[in-house]
Amino acid sequence: DFVAYDKNDGGVIVIADSVRGRFSISRDNAKNTVYLQMSN
């Protein structure tokens, strides 16, 4: 199942309904890494 999507510039971020409000996606380009922050 899909959870989250980030286009690369923050312009388009899509979060699945099942996790919206609890999960977020972000990235650190200096580390060439994308994160999924999950809470609750």
PDB file of all heavy atoms in Angstrom:
ATOM      1  N   ASP A   1       0.819  -1.209   0.000  1.00  0.00           N
ATOM      2  CA  ASP A   1       0.000   0.000   0.000  1.00  0.00           C
ATOM      3  C   ASP A   1       0.854   1.260   0.000  1.00  0.00           C
ATOM      4  O   ASP A   1       1.912   1.315   0.636  1.00  0.00           O
ATOM      5  CB  ASP A   1      -0.900   0.040   1.245  1.00  0.00           C
ATOM      6  CG  ASP A   1      -2.003  -0.988   1.191  1.00  0.00           C
ATOM      7  OD1 ASP A   1      -2.416  -1.369   0.090  1.00  0.00           O
ATOM      8  OD2 ASP A   1      -2.460  -1.406   2.275  1.00  0.00           O
ATOM      9  N   PHE A   2       0.361   2.266  -0.664  1.00  0.00           N
ATOM     10  CA  PHE A   2       1.010   3.566  -0.705  1.00  0.00           C
ATOM     11  C   PHE A   2       0.901   4.255   0.656  1.00  0.00           C
ATOM     12  O   PHE A   2      -0.143   4.184   1.311  1.00  0.00           O
ATOM     13  CB  PHE A   2       0.369   4.422  -1.787  1.00  0.00           C
ATOM     14  CG  PHE A   2       0.764   5.876  -1.745  1.00  0.00           C
ATOM     15  CD1 PHE A   2       2.033   6.264  -2.137  1.00  0.00           C
ATOM     16  CD2 PHE A   2      -0.130   6.837  -1.313  1.00  0.00           C
ATOM     17  CE1 PHE A   2       2.404   7.600  -2.101  1.00  0.00           C
ATOM     18  CE2 PHE A   2       0.221   8.170  -1.279  1.00  0.00           C
ATOM     19  CZ  PHE A   2       1.496   8.563  -1.670  1.00  0.00           C
ATOM     20  N   VAL A   3       1.978   4.956   1.032  1.00  0.00           N
ATOM     21  CA  VAL A   3       1.980   5.691   2.306  1.00  0.00           C
ATOM     22  C   VAL A   3       2.202   7.189   2.074  1.00  0.00           C
ATOM     23  O   VAL A   3       1.434   8.025   2.550  1.00  0.00           O
ATOM     24  CB  VAL A   3       3.059   5.146   3.254  1.00  0.00           C
ATOM     25  CG1 VAL A   3       3.109   5.986   4.535  1.00  0.00           C
ATOM     26  CG2 VAL A   3       2.802   3.689   3.592  1.00  0.00           C
ATOM     27  N   ALA A   4       3.272   7.530   1.354  1.00  0.00           N
ATOM     28  CA  ALA A   4       3.597   8.947   1.192  1.00  0.00           C
ATOM     29  C   ALA A   4       4.462   9.168  -0.039  1.00  0.00           C
ATOM     30  O   ALA A   4       5.166   8.263  -0.482  1.00  0.00           O
ATOM     31  CB  ALA A   4       4.326   9.467   2.428  1.00  0.00           C
ATOM     32  N   TYR A   5       4.392  10.384  -0.564  1.00  0.00           N
ATOM     33  CA  TYR A   5       5.142  10.753  -1.777  1.00  0.00           C
ATOM     34  C   TYR A   5       5.657  12.179  -1.643  1.00  0.00           C
ATOM     35  O   TYR A   5       4.942  13.063  -1.153  1.00  0.00           O
ATOM     36  CB  TYR A   5       4.211  10.649  -2.979  1.00  0.00           C
ATOM     37  CG  TYR A   5       4.712  11.311  -4.251  1.00  0.00           C
ATOM     38  CD1 TYR A   5       5.429  10.587  -5.194  1.00  0.00           C
ATOM     39  CD2 TYR A   5       4.431  12.648  -4.512  1.00  0.00           C
ATOM     40  CE1 TYR A   5       5.863  11.181  -6.371  1.00  0.00           C
ATOM     41  CE2 TYR A   5       4.867  13.247  -5.682  1.00  0.00           C
ATOM     42  CZ  TYR A   5       5.568  12.512  -6.609  1.00  0.00           C
ATOM     43  OH  TYR A   5       6.006  13.109  -7.769  1.00  0.00           O
ATOM     44  N   ASP A   6       6.884  12.379  -2.086  1.00  0.00           N
ATOM     45  CA  ASP A   6       7.468  13.711  -2.117  1.00  0.00           C
ATOM     46  C   ASP A   6       8.117  13.921  -3.476  1.00  0.00           C
ATOM     47  O   ASP A   6       9.010  13.169  -3.863  1.00  0.00           O
ATOM     48  CB  ASP A   6       8.503  13.864  -1.010  1.00  0.00           C
ATOM     49  CG  ASP A   6       9.257  15.185  -1.116  1.00  0.00           C
ATOM     50  OD1 ASP A   6       8.621  16.221  -1.387  1.00  0.00           O
ATOM     51  OD2 ASP A   6      10.479  15.186  -0.927  1.00  0.00           O
ATOM     52  N   LYS A   7       7.690  14.943  -4.196  1.00  0.00           N
ATOM     53  CA  LYS A   7       8.196  15.171  -5.550  1.00  0.00           C
ATOM     54  C   LYS A   7       9.680  15.468  -5.556  1.00  0.00           C
ATOM     55  O   LYS A   7      10.425  14.968  -6.364  1.00  0.00           O
ATOM     56  CB  LYS A   7       7.427  16.325  -6.193  1.00  0.00           C
ATOM     57  CG  LYS A   7       7.866  16.637  -7.607  1.00  0.00           C
ATOM     58  CD  LYS A   7       7.034  17.764  -8.182  1.00  0.00           C
ATOM     59  CE  LYS A   7       7.466  18.093  -9.589  1.00  0.00           C
ATOM     60  NZ  LYS A   7       6.653  19.175 -10.175  1.00  0.00           N
ATOM     61  N   ASN A   8      10.161  16.298  -4.696  1.00  0.00           N
ATOM     62  CA  ASN A   8      11.576  16.581  -4.440  1.00  0.00           C
ATOM     63  C   ASN A   8      11.797  18.018  -4.024  1.00  0.00           C
ATOM     64  O   ASN A   8      12.859  18.374  -3.571  1.00  0.00           O
ATOM     65  CB  ASN A   8      12.495  16.263  -5.622  1.00  0.00           C
ATOM     66  CG  ASN A   8      12.476  17.310  -6.717  1.00  0.00           C
ATOM     67  OD1 ASN A   8      11.669  18.232  -6.674  1.00  0.00           O
ATOM     68  ND2 ASN A   8      13.334  17.189  -7.693  1.00  0.00           N
ATOM     69  N   ASP A   9      10.797  18.840  -4.209  1.00  0.00           N
ATOM     70  CA  ASP A   9      10.993  20.229  -3.839  1.00  0.00           C
ATOM     71  C   ASP A   9       9.942  20.706  -2.842  1.00  0.00           C
ATOM     72  O   ASP A   9       9.813  21.895  -2.607  1.00  0.00           O
ATOM     73  CB  ASP A   9      10.954  21.122  -5.078  1.00  0.00           C
ATOM     74  CG  ASP A   9       9.663  20.970  -5.870  1.00  0.00           C
ATOM     75  OD1 ASP A   9       8.773  20.235  -5.385  1.00  0.00           O
ATOM     76  OD2 ASP A   9       9.562  21.571  -6.948  1.00  0.00           O
ATOM     77  N   GLY A  10       9.200  19.743  -2.314  1.00  0.00           N
ATOM     78  CA  GLY A  10       8.152  20.086  -1.368  1.00  0.00           C
ATOM     79  C   GLY A  10       6.903  20.621  -2.026  1.00  0.00           C
ATOM     80  O   GLY A  10       5.915  20.884  -1.354  1.00  0.00           O
ATOM     81  N   GLY A  11       6.944  20.774  -3.355  1.00  0.00           N
ATOM     82  CA  GLY A  11       5.800  21.322  -4.060  1.00  0.00           C
ATOM     83  C   GLY A  11       4.639  20.350  -4.135  1.00  0.00           C
ATOM     84  O   GLY A  11       3.483  20.768  -4.155  1.00  0.00           O
ATOM     85  N   VAL A  12       4.942  19.081  -4.205  1.00  0.00           N
ATOM     86  CA  VAL A  12       3.893  18.069  -4.256  1.00  0.00           C
ATOM     87  C   VAL A  12       4.200  17.023  -3.204  1.00  0.00           C
ATOM     88  O   VAL A  12       5.197  16.296  -3.311  1.00  0.00           O
ATOM     89  CB  VAL A  12       3.793  17.405  -5.640  1.00  0.00           C
ATOM     90  CG1 VAL A  12       2.695  16.337  -5.633  1.00  0.00           C
ATOM     91  CG2 VAL A  12       3.510  18.446  -6.723  1.00  0.00           C
ATOM     92  N   ILE A  13       3.389  16.973  -2.191  1.00  0.00           N
ATOM     93  CA  ILE A  13       3.489  15.938  -1.154  1.00  0.00           C
ATOM     94  C   ILE A  13       2.121  15.294  -1.031  1.00  0.00           C
ATOM     95  O   ILE A  13       1.116  15.997  -0.911  1.00  0.00           O
ATOM     96  CB  ILE A  13       3.931  16.516   0.196  1.00  0.00           C
ATOM     97  CG1 ILE A  13       5.390  16.988   0.114  1.00  0.00           C
ATOM     98  CG2 ILE A  13       3.789  15.472   1.304  1.00  0.00           C
ATOM     99  CD1 ILE A  13       5.898  17.631   1.386  1.00  0.00           C
ATOM    100  N   VAL A  14       2.099  13.980  -1.092  1.00  0.00           N
ATOM    101  CA  VAL A  14       0.849  13.230  -1.005  1.00  0.00           C
ATOM    102  C   VAL A  14       0.974  12.244   0.149  1.00  0.00           C
ATOM    103  O   VAL A  14       1.957  11.512   0.237  1.00  0.00           O
ATOM    104  CB  VAL A  14       0.548  12.479  -2.316  1.00  0.00           C
ATOM    105  CG1 VAL A  14      -0.786  11.740  -2.202  1.00  0.00           C
ATOM    106  CG2 VAL A  14       0.511  13.452  -3.492  1.00  0.00           C
ATOM    107  N   ILE A  15       0.004  12.259   1.019  1.00  0.00           N
ATOM    108  CA  ILE A  15      -0.028  11.349   2.163  1.00  0.00           C
ATOM    109  C   ILE A  15      -1.304  10.526   2.092  1.00  0.00           C
ATOM    110  O   ILE A  15      -2.390  11.064   1.851  1.00  0.00           O
ATOM    111  CB  ILE A  15      -0.004  12.121   3.497  1.00  0.00           C
ATOM    112  CG1 ILE A  15       1.192  13.073   3.561  1.00  0.00           C
ATOM    113  CG2 ILE A  15       0.022  11.146   4.680  1.00  0.00           C
ATOM    114  CD1 ILE A  15       2.533  12.400   3.592  1.00  0.00           C
ATOM    115  N   ALA A  16      -1.182   9.221   2.280  1.00  0.00           N
ATOM    116  CA  ALA A  16      -2.343   8.339   2.237  1.00  0.00           C
ATOM    117  C   ALA A  16      -3.341   8.709   3.330  1.00  0.00           C
ATOM    118  O   ALA A  16      -2.957   9.124   4.429  1.00  0.00           O
ATOM    119  CB  ALA A  16      -1.906   6.895   2.400  1.00  0.00           C
ATOM    120  N   ASP A  17      -4.613   8.543   3.030  1.00  0.00           N
ATOM    121  CA  ASP A  17      -5.661   8.886   3.995  1.00  0.00           C
ATOM    122  C   ASP A  17      -5.486   8.145   5.314  1.00  0.00           C
ATOM    123  O   ASP A  17      -5.752   8.697   6.391  1.00  0.00           O
ATOM    124  CB  ASP A  17      -7.038   8.547   3.419  1.00  0.00           C
ATOM    125  CG  ASP A  17      -7.444   9.460   2.286  1.00  0.00           C
ATOM    126  OD1 ASP A  17      -6.826  10.536   2.134  1.00  0.00           O
ATOM    127  OD2 ASP A  17      -8.380   9.100   1.544  1.00  0.00           O
ATOM    128  N   SER A  18      -5.021   6.904   5.232  1.00  0.00           N
ATOM    129  CA  SER A  18      -4.916   6.060   6.423  1.00  0.00           C
ATOM    130  C   SER A  18      -3.888   6.567   7.432  1.00  0.00           C
ATOM    131  O   SER A  18      -3.947   6.197   8.610  1.00  0.00           O
ATOM    132  CB  SER A  18      -4.561   4.633   6.016  1.00  0.00           C
ATOM    133  OG  SER A  18      -3.340   4.613   5.297  1.00  0.00           O
ATOM    134  N   VAL A  19      -2.959   7.406   6.990  1.00  0.00           N
ATOM    135  CA  VAL A  19      -1.905   7.873   7.897  1.00  0.00           C
ATOM    136  C   VAL A  19      -1.821   9.389   7.975  1.00  0.00           C
ATOM    137  O   VAL A  19      -0.971   9.939   8.681  1.00  0.00           O
ATOM    138  CB  VAL A  19      -0.526   7.297   7.488  1.00  0.00           C
ATOM    139  CG1 VAL A  19      -0.554   5.778   7.507  1.00  0.00           C
ATOM    140  CG2 VAL A  19      -0.105   7.828   6.125  1.00  0.00           C
ATOM    141  N   ARG A  20      -2.692  10.073   7.244  1.00  0.00           N
ATOM    142  CA  ARG A  20      -2.630  11.540   7.235  1.00  0.00           C
ATOM    143  C   ARG A  20      -2.850  12.081   8.634  1.00  0.00           C
ATOM    144  O   ARG A  20      -3.730  11.638   9.369  1.00  0.00           O
ATOM    145  CB  ARG A  20      -3.662  12.109   6.266  1.00  0.00           C
ATOM    146  CG  ARG A  20      -3.535  13.625   6.070  1.00  0.00           C
ATOM    147  CD  ARG A  20      -4.452  14.116   4.979  1.00  0.00           C
ATOM    148  NE  ARG A  20      -4.095  13.533   3.694  1.00  0.00           N
ATOM    149  CZ  ARG A  20      -4.961  12.870   2.928  1.00  0.00           C
ATOM    150  NH1 ARG A  20      -6.210  12.730   3.317  1.00  0.00           N
ATOM    151  NH2 ARG A  20      -4.566  12.371   1.771  1.00  0.00           N
ATOM    152  N   GLY A  21      -2.031  13.051   8.985  1.00  0.00           N
ATOM    153  CA  GLY A  21      -2.109  13.620  10.326  1.00  0.00           C
ATOM    154  C   GLY A  21      -1.193  12.933  11.318  1.00  0.00           C
ATOM    155  O   GLY A  21      -0.930  13.473  12.395  1.00  0.00           O
ATOM    156  N   ARG A  22      -0.682  11.752  10.955  1.00  0.00           N
ATOM    157  CA  ARG A  22       0.236  11.019  11.835  1.00  0.00           C
ATOM    158  C   ARG A  22       1.612  10.831  11.187  1.00  0.00           C
ATOM    159  O   ARG A  22       2.625  10.771  11.885  1.00  0.00           O
ATOM    160  CB  ARG A  22      -0.345   9.646  12.181  1.00  0.00           C
ATOM    161  CG  ARG A  22      -1.678   9.694  12.902  1.00  0.00           C
ATOM    162  CD  ARG A  22      -2.101   8.308  13.386  1.00  0.00           C
ATOM    163  NE  ARG A  22      -2.311   7.384  12.276  1.00  0.00           N
ATOM    164  CZ  ARG A  22      -1.648   6.246  12.126  1.00  0.00           C
ATOM    165  NH1 ARG A  22      -0.722   5.896  13.010  1.00  0.00           N
ATOM    166  NH2 ARG A  22      -1.906   5.439  11.103  1.00  0.00           N
ATOM    167  N   PHE A  23       1.645  10.706   9.882  1.00  0.00           N
ATOM    168  CA  PHE A  23       2.904  10.478   9.166  1.00  0.00           C
ATOM    169  C   PHE A  23       3.248  11.709   8.328  1.00  0.00           C
ATOM    170  O   PHE A  23       2.371  12.409   7.826  1.00  0.00           O
ATOM    171  CB  PHE A  23       2.790   9.289   8.217  1.00  0.00           C
ATOM    172  CG  PHE A  23       2.685   7.936   8.868  1.00  0.00           C
ATOM    173  CD1 PHE A  23       2.400   7.786  10.219  1.00  0.00           C
ATOM    174  CD2 PHE A  23       2.876   6.793   8.119  1.00  0.00           C
ATOM    175  CE1 PHE A  23       2.301   6.541  10.810  1.00  0.00           C
ATOM    176  CE2 PHE A  23       2.774   5.532   8.685  1.00  0.00           C
ATOM    177  CZ  PHE A  23       2.484   5.413  10.034  1.00  0.00           C
ATOM    178  N   SER A  24       4.534  11.936   8.152  1.00  0.00           N
ATOM    179  CA  SER A  24       4.992  12.997   7.267  1.00  0.00           C
ATOM    180  C   SER A  24       6.255  12.541   6.551  1.00  0.00           C
ATOM    181  O   SER A  24       6.986  11.672   7.041  1.00  0.00           O
ATOM    182  CB  SER A  24       5.253  14.287   8.042  1.00  0.00           C
ATOM    183  OG  SER A  24       6.278  14.099   8.989  1.00  0.00           O
ATOM    184  N   ILE A  25       6.498  13.137   5.395  1.00  0.00           N
ATOM    185  CA  ILE A  25       7.666  12.791   4.588  1.00  0.00           C
ATOM    186  C   ILE A  25       8.543  14.023   4.443  1.00  0.00           C
ATOM    187  O   ILE A  25       8.039  15.135   4.289  1.00  0.00           O
ATOM    188  CB  ILE A  25       7.239  12.226   3.208  1.00  0.00           C
ATOM    189  CG1 ILE A  25       8.449  11.719   2.423  1.00  0.00           C
ATOM    190  CG2 ILE A  25       6.426  13.245   2.428  1.00  0.00           C
ATOM    191  CD1 ILE A  25       8.050  10.961   1.149  1.00  0.00           C
ATOM    192  N   SER A  26       9.842  13.811   4.506  1.00  0.00           N
ATOM    193  CA  SER A  26      10.775  14.923   4.349  1.00  0.00           C
ATOM    194  C   SER A  26      12.073  14.374   3.780  1.00  0.00           C
ATOM    195  O   SER A  26      12.232  13.158   3.619  1.00  0.00           O
ATOM    196  CB  SER A  26      11.030  15.621   5.690  1.00  0.00           C
ATOM    197  OG  SER A  26      11.641  14.720   6.601  1.00  0.00           O
ATOM    198  N   ARG A  27      13.006  15.266   3.485  1.00  0.00           N
ATOM    199  CA  ARG A  27      14.272  14.795   2.934  1.00  0.00           C
ATOM    200  C   ARG A  27      15.405  15.713   3.354  1.00  0.00           C
ATOM    201  O   ARG A  27      15.186  16.876   3.695  1.00  0.00           O
ATOM    202  CB  ARG A  27      14.221  14.676   1.417  1.00  0.00           C
ATOM    203  CG  ARG A  27      14.011  15.966   0.667  1.00  0.00           C
ATOM    204  CD  ARG A  27      14.167  15.731  -0.821  1.00  0.00           C
ATOM    205  NE  ARG A  27      13.067  14.976  -1.402  1.00  0.00           N
ATOM    206  CZ  ARG A  27      13.162  14.204  -2.480  1.00  0.00           C
ATOM    207  NH1 ARG A  27      14.330  14.079  -3.090  1.00  0.00           N
ATOM    208  NH2 ARG A  27      12.111  13.562  -2.975  1.00  0.00           N
ATOM    209  N   ASP A  28      16.598  15.160   3.348  1.00  0.00           N
ATOM    210  CA  ASP A  28      17.831  15.902   3.585  1.00  0.00           C
ATOM    211  C   ASP A  28      18.713  15.642   2.370  1.00  0.00           C
ATOM    212  O   ASP A  28      19.350  14.585   2.276  1.00  0.00           O
ATOM    213  CB  ASP A  28      18.507  15.427   4.872  1.00  0.00           C
ATOM    214  CG  ASP A  28      19.749  16.245   5.217  1.00  0.00           C
ATOM    215  OD1 ASP A  28      20.345  16.853   4.302  1.00  0.00           O
ATOM    216  OD2 ASP A  28      20.127  16.262   6.391  1.00  0.00           O
ATOM    217  N   ASN A  29      18.733  16.575   1.451  1.00  0.00           N
ATOM    218  CA  ASN A  29      19.483  16.361   0.212  1.00  0.00           C
ATOM    219  C   ASN A  29      20.988  16.262   0.460  1.00  0.00           C
ATOM    220  O   ASN A  29      21.701  15.589  -0.282  1.00  0.00           O
ATOM    221  CB  ASN A  29      19.180  17.482  -0.783  1.00  0.00           C
ATOM    222  CG  ASN A  29      17.788  17.356  -1.367  1.00  0.00           C
ATOM    223  OD1 ASN A  29      17.247  16.253  -1.475  1.00  0.00           O
ATOM    224  ND2 ASN A  29      17.191  18.468  -1.737  1.00  0.00           N
ATOM    225  N   ALA A  30      21.466  16.928   1.491  1.00  0.00           N
ATOM    226  CA  ALA A  30      22.892  16.835   1.801  1.00  0.00           C
ATOM    227  C   ALA A  30      23.284  15.411   2.182  1.00  0.00           C
ATOM    228  O   ALA A  30      24.420  14.994   1.959  1.00  0.00           O
ATOM    229  CB  ALA A  30      23.234  17.799   2.931  1.00  0.00           C
ATOM    230  N   LYS A  31      22.343  14.681   2.753  1.00  0.00           N
ATOM    231  CA  LYS A  31      22.596  13.286   3.142  1.00  0.00           C
ATOM    232  C   LYS A  31      22.030  12.307   2.126  1.00  0.00           C
ATOM    233  O   LYS A  31      22.112  11.096   2.329  1.00  0.00           O
ATOM    234  CB  LYS A  31      21.994  13.011   4.518  1.00  0.00           C
ATOM    235  CG  LYS A  31      22.640  13.818   5.632  1.00  0.00           C
ATOM    236  CD  LYS A  31      22.044  13.454   6.983  1.00  0.00           C
ATOM    237  CE  LYS A  31      22.739  14.225   8.106  1.00  0.00           C
ATOM    238  NZ  LYS A  31      22.161  13.895   9.437  1.00  0.00           N
ATOM    239  N   ASN A  32      21.426  12.834   1.063  1.00  0.00           N
ATOM    240  CA  ASN A  32      20.830  11.983   0.024  1.00  0.00           C
ATOM    241  C   ASN A  32      19.851  10.986   0.641  1.00  0.00           C
ATOM    242  O   ASN A  32      19.840   9.794   0.307  1.00  0.00           O
ATOM    243  CB  ASN A  32      21.926  11.231  -0.743  1.00  0.00           C
ATOM    244  CG  ASN A  32      21.568  11.026  -2.200  1.00  0.00           C
ATOM    245  OD1 ASN A  32      20.759  11.751  -2.772  1.00  0.00           O
ATOM    246  ND2 ASN A  32      22.183  10.034  -2.821  1.00  0.00           N
ATOM    247  N   THR A  33      19.023  11.490   1.553  1.00  0.00           N
ATOM    248  CA  THR A  33      18.146  10.638   2.355  1.00  0.00           C
ATOM    249  C   THR A  33      16.749  11.238   2.426  1.00  0.00           C
ATOM    250  O   THR A  33      16.595  12.458   2.534  1.00  0.00           O
ATOM    251  CB  THR A  33      18.714  10.467   3.776  1.00  0.00           C
ATOM    252  OG1 THR A  33      20.001   9.836   3.693  1.00  0.00           O
ATOM    253  CG2 THR A  33      17.798   9.622   4.638  1.00  0.00           C
ATOM    254  N   VAL A  34      15.767  10.350   2.365  1.00  0.00           N
ATOM    255  CA  VAL A  34      14.366  10.727   2.542  1.00  0.00           C
ATOM    256  C   VAL A  34      13.867  10.055   3.814  1.00  0.00           C
ATOM    257  O   VAL A  34      14.221   8.898   4.082  1.00  0.00           O
ATOM    258  CB  VAL A  34      13.518  10.301   1.327  1.00  0.00           C
ATOM    259  CG1 VAL A  34      12.048  10.631   1.569  1.00  0.00           C
ATOM    260  CG2 VAL A  34      14.019  10.996   0.076  1.00  0.00           C
ATOM    261  N   TYR A  35      13.050  10.757   4.565  1.00  0.00           N
ATOM    262  CA  TYR A  35      12.564  10.259   5.852  1.00  0.00           C
ATOM    263  C   TYR A  35      11.053  10.070   5.836  1.00  0.00           C
ATOM    264  O   TYR A  35      10.327  10.762   5.109  1.00  0.00           O
ATOM    265  CB  TYR A  35      12.928  11.234   6.968  1.00  0.00           C
ATOM    266  CG  TYR A  35      14.402  11.507   7.086  1.00  0.00           C
ATOM    267  CD1 TYR A  35      14.959  12.681   6.572  1.00  0.00           C
ATOM    268  CD2 TYR A  35      15.249  10.600   7.714  1.00  0.00           C
ATOM    269  CE1 TYR A  35      16.317  12.929   6.676  1.00  0.00           C
ATOM    270  CE2 TYR A  35      16.607  10.849   7.829  1.00  0.00           C
ATOM    271  CZ  TYR A  35      17.129  12.007   7.305  1.00  0.00           C
ATOM    272  OH  TYR A  35      18.484  12.255   7.407  1.00  0.00           O
ATOM    273  N   LEU A  36      10.604   9.161   6.668  1.00  0.00           N
ATOM    274  CA  LEU A  36       9.186   9.009   6.961  1.00  0.00           C
ATOM    275  C   LEU A  36       9.044   9.104   8.469  1.00  0.00           C
ATOM    276  O   LEU A  36       9.469   8.216   9.198  1.00  0.00           O
ATOM    277  CB  LEU A  36       8.652   7.666   6.464  1.00  0.00           C
ATOM    278  CG  LEU A  36       7.152   7.454   6.680  1.00  0.00           C
ATOM    279  CD1 LEU A  36       6.350   8.392   5.776  1.00  0.00           C
ATOM    280  CD2 LEU A  36       6.760   6.002   6.403  1.00  0.00           C
ATOM    281  N   GLN A  37       8.485  10.218   8.927  1.00  0.00           N
ATOM    282  CA  GLN A  37       8.246  10.418  10.350  1.00  0.00           C
ATOM    283  C   GLN A  37       6.876   9.871  10.694  1.00  0.00           C
ATOM    284  O   GLN A  37       5.879  10.301  10.108  1.00  0.00           O
ATOM    285  CB  GLN A  37       8.333  11.896  10.704  1.00  0.00           C
ATOM    286  CG  GLN A  37       8.076  12.194  12.167  1.00  0.00           C
ATOM    287  CD  GLN A  37       9.170  11.659  13.084  1.00  0.00           C
ATOM    288  OE1 GLN A  37      10.355  11.851  12.823  1.00  0.00           O
ATOM    289  NE2 GLN A  37       8.768  10.967  14.146  1.00  0.00           N
ATOM    290  N   MET A  38       6.844   8.943  11.629  1.00  0.00           N
ATOM    291  CA  MET A  38       5.589   8.297  12.009  1.00  0.00           C
ATOM    292  C   MET A  38       5.312   8.561  13.483  1.00  0.00           C
ATOM    293  O   MET A  38       6.201   8.339  14.328  1.00  0.00           O
ATOM    294  CB  MET A  38       5.674   6.789  11.760  1.00  0.00           C
ATOM    295  CG  MET A  38       6.124   6.435  10.347  1.00  0.00           C
ATOM    296  SD  MET A  38       6.099   4.661  10.020  1.00  0.00           S
ATOM    297  CE  MET A  38       7.353   4.102  11.156  1.00  0.00           C
ATOM    298  N   SER A  39       4.132   9.034  13.783  1.00  0.00           N
ATOM    299  CA  SER A  39       3.768   9.293  15.166  1.00  0.00           C
ATOM    300  C   SER A  39       2.432   8.657  15.481  1.00  0.00           C
ATOM    301  O   SER A  39       1.689   8.268  14.576  1.00  0.00           O
ATOM    302  CB  SER A  39       3.719  10.798  15.433  1.00  0.00           C
ATOM    303  OG  SER A  39       2.739  11.410  14.620  1.00  0.00           O
ATOM    304  N   ASN A  40       2.149   8.545  16.781  1.00  0.00           N
ATOM    305  CA  ASN A  40       0.899   7.923  17.229  1.00  0.00           C
ATOM    306  C   ASN A  40       0.649   6.603  16.496  1.00  0.00           C
ATOM    307  O   ASN A  40      -0.423   6.360  15.950  1.00  0.00           O
ATOM    308  CB  ASN A  40      -0.278   8.879  17.025  1.00  0.00           C
ATOM    309  CG  ASN A  40      -1.549   8.400  17.697  1.00  0.00           C
ATOM    310  OD1 ASN A  40      -1.508   7.613  18.635  1.00  0.00           O
ATOM    311  ND2 ASN A  40      -2.682   8.866  17.213  1.00  0.00           N
TER     312      ASN A  40
END
